């Protein structure tokens, strides 16, 4: 639920409240007037590298799986040569 800043048109008071985007029951906390407007608030975004880490971790796992498949294929081919089997 987002936090919004409000201002009462009737009494000119300002306050902050956690509410849904379309809260129909909004009224002034001081004079209880229904003449309330949202005040644009300043916000900033903190860059979150967590998503990038998860993506790179996933890619890392995929690369290890592919590498392990190659190693297993080589082992299989080598073991087939030891017992005289062509193209395993």
C-alpha atoms as a PDB file:
ATOM      1  CA  UNK A   1       0.000   0.000   0.000  1.00  0.00           C
ATOM      2  CA  UNK A   2       1.553   3.332  -1.021  1.00  0.00           C
ATOM      3  CA  UNK A   3       2.108   6.343   1.171  1.00  0.00           C
ATOM      4  CA  UNK A   4       0.562   9.608  -0.061  1.00  0.00           C
ATOM      5  CA  UNK A   5       0.764  13.261   0.944  1.00  0.00           C
ATOM      6  CA  UNK A   6      -2.531  15.147   1.114  1.00  0.00           C
ATOM      7  CA  UNK A   7      -3.660  18.725   1.554  1.00  0.00           C
ATOM      8  CA  UNK A   8      -7.084  19.930   2.678  1.00  0.00           C
ATOM      9  CA  UNK A   9      -8.512  22.699   0.511  1.00  0.00           C
ATOM     10  CA  UNK A  10     -10.809  23.847   3.340  1.00  0.00           C
ATOM     11  CA  UNK A  11      -8.319  24.216   6.229  1.00  0.00           C
ATOM     12  CA  UNK A  12      -5.032  24.169   4.271  1.00  0.00           C
ATOM     13  CA  UNK A  13      -3.499  21.437   6.485  1.00  0.00           C
ATOM     14  CA  UNK A  14      -1.157  18.762   5.083  1.00  0.00           C
ATOM     15  CA  UNK A  15      -0.605  15.180   6.209  1.00  0.00           C
ATOM     16  CA  UNK A  16       0.710  11.834   5.056  1.00  0.00           C
ATOM     17  CA  UNK A  17      -1.296   8.630   4.958  1.00  0.00           C
ATOM     18  CA  UNK A  18      -0.881   5.053   3.794  1.00  0.00           C
ATOM     19  CA  UNK A  19      -3.791   4.328   1.481  1.00  0.00           C
ATOM     20  CA  UNK A  20      -4.798   2.613  -1.703  1.00  0.00           C
ATOM     21  CA  UNK A  21      -4.634   4.546  -4.960  1.00  0.00           C
ATOM     22  CA  UNK A  22      -8.395   4.942  -5.175  1.00  0.00           C
ATOM     23  CA  UNK A  23      -9.385   5.339  -1.533  1.00  0.00           C
ATOM     24  CA  UNK A  24     -12.957   6.753  -1.662  1.00  0.00           C
ATOM     25  CA  UNK A  25     -13.194   7.409   2.094  1.00  0.00           C
ATOM     26  CA  UNK A  26     -10.576  10.153   2.058  1.00  0.00           C
ATOM     27  CA  UNK A  27     -11.276  13.155   4.259  1.00  0.00           C
ATOM     28  CA  UNK A  28      -9.209  15.730   6.106  1.00  0.00           C
ATOM     29  CA  UNK A  29      -7.715  14.416   9.348  1.00  0.00           C
ATOM     30  CA  UNK A  30      -8.193  17.858  10.953  1.00  0.00           C
ATOM     31  CA  UNK A  31     -11.523  19.334   9.844  1.00  0.00           C
ATOM     32  CA  UNK A  32     -13.064  16.204   8.219  1.00  0.00           C
ATOM     33  CA  UNK A  33     -13.738  18.024   4.969  1.00  0.00           C
ATOM     34  CA  UNK A  34     -14.017  15.912   1.816  1.00  0.00           C
ATOM     35  CA  UNK A  35     -12.194  18.626  -0.174  1.00  0.00           C
ATOM     36  CA  UNK A  36      -8.807  16.918  -0.191  1.00  0.00           C
ATOM     37  CA  UNK A  37      -6.188  16.722  -2.893  1.00  0.00           C
ATOM     38  CA  UNK A  38      -3.044  14.637  -3.314  1.00  0.00           C
ATOM     39  CA  UNK A  39       0.223  16.512  -3.207  1.00  0.00           C
ATOM     40  CA  UNK A  40       2.901  15.256  -5.585  1.00  0.00           C
ATOM     41  CA  UNK A  41       5.678  13.779  -3.531  1.00  0.00           C
ATOM     42  CA  UNK A  42       9.362  13.593  -4.271  1.00  0.00           C
ATOM     43  CA  UNK A  43      10.611  10.092  -4.785  1.00  0.00           C
ATOM     44  CA  UNK A  44      13.759   8.370  -5.911  1.00  0.00           C
ATOM     45  CA  UNK A  45      14.665   4.931  -7.134  1.00  0.00           C
ATOM     46  CA  UNK A  46      17.405   2.918  -5.549  1.00  0.00           C
ATOM     47  CA  UNK A  47      19.080   0.748  -8.130  1.00  0.00           C
ATOM     48  CA  UNK A  48      18.636  -2.840  -7.146  1.00  0.00           C
ATOM     49  CA  UNK A  49      21.252  -5.183  -8.562  1.00  0.00           C
ATOM     50  CA  UNK A  50      19.545  -8.173  -6.935  1.00  0.00           C
ATOM     51  CA  UNK A  51      17.676  -8.975 -10.157  1.00  0.00           C
ATOM     52  CA  UNK A  52      20.912  -8.811 -12.135  1.00  0.00           C
ATOM     53  CA  UNK A  53      22.621 -11.096  -9.613  1.00  0.00           C
ATOM     54  CA  UNK A  54      19.794 -13.620  -9.897  1.00  0.00           C
ATOM     55  CA  UNK A  55      19.975 -13.485 -13.666  1.00  0.00           C
ATOM     56  CA  UNK A  56      23.720 -13.953 -13.691  1.00  0.00           C
ATOM     57  CA  UNK A  57      23.451 -16.726 -11.104  1.00  0.00           C
ATOM     58  CA  UNK A  58      20.920 -18.507 -13.278  1.00  0.00           C
ATOM     59  CA  UNK A  59      23.151 -18.074 -16.307  1.00  0.00           C
ATOM     60  CA  UNK A  60      26.059 -19.374 -14.259  1.00  0.00           C
ATOM     61  CA  UNK A  61      24.123 -22.547 -13.402  1.00  0.00           C
ATOM     62  CA  UNK A  62      23.183 -23.089 -17.052  1.00  0.00           C
ATOM     63  CA  UNK A  63      26.824 -22.704 -18.079  1.00  0.00           C
ATOM     64  CA  UNK A  64      27.927 -25.248 -15.453  1.00  0.00           C
ATOM     65  CA  UNK A  65      25.293 -27.723 -16.619  1.00  0.00           C
ATOM     66  CA  UNK A  66      26.482 -27.378 -20.220  1.00  0.00           C
ATOM     67  CA  UNK A  67      30.094 -27.778 -19.112  1.00  0.00           C
ATOM     68  CA  UNK A  68      29.192 -30.913 -17.124  1.00  0.00           C
ATOM     69  CA  UNK A  69      27.379 -32.367 -20.141  1.00  0.00           C
ATOM     70  CA  UNK A  70      30.508 -31.897 -22.269  1.00  0.00           C
ATOM     71  CA  UNK A  71      32.687 -33.530 -19.599  1.00  0.00           C
ATOM     72  CA  UNK A  72      30.305 -36.483 -19.264  1.00  0.00           C
ATOM     73  CA  UNK A  73      30.210 -36.920 -23.037  1.00  0.00           C
ATOM     74  CA  UNK A  74      34.031 -36.952 -23.158  1.00  0.00           C
ATOM     75  CA  UNK A  75      34.182 -39.479 -20.305  1.00  0.00           C
ATOM     76  CA  UNK A  76      31.644 -41.662 -22.079  1.00  0.00           C
ATOM     77  CA  UNK A  77      33.633 -41.526 -25.305  1.00  0.00           C
ATOM     78  CA  UNK A  78      36.904 -42.300 -23.497  1.00  0.00           C
ATOM     79  CA  UNK A  79      35.363 -45.235 -21.627  1.00  0.00           C
ATOM     80  CA  UNK A  80      33.984 -46.596 -24.912  1.00  0.00           C
ATOM     81  CA  UNK A  81      37.463 -46.463 -26.461  1.00  0.00           C
ATOM     82  CA  UNK A  82      38.865 -48.419 -23.518  1.00  0.00           C
ATOM     83  CA  UNK A  83      36.551 -51.349 -24.236  1.00  0.00           C
ATOM     84  CA  UNK A  84      36.828 -51.118 -28.023  1.00  0.00           C
ATOM     85  CA  UNK A  85      33.531 -49.413 -28.893  1.00  0.00           C
ATOM     86  CA  UNK A  86      33.481 -46.828 -31.690  1.00  0.00           C
ATOM     87  CA  UNK A  87      31.286 -43.699 -31.524  1.00  0.00           C
ATOM     88  CA  UNK A  88      29.494 -43.963 -28.224  1.00  0.00           C
END
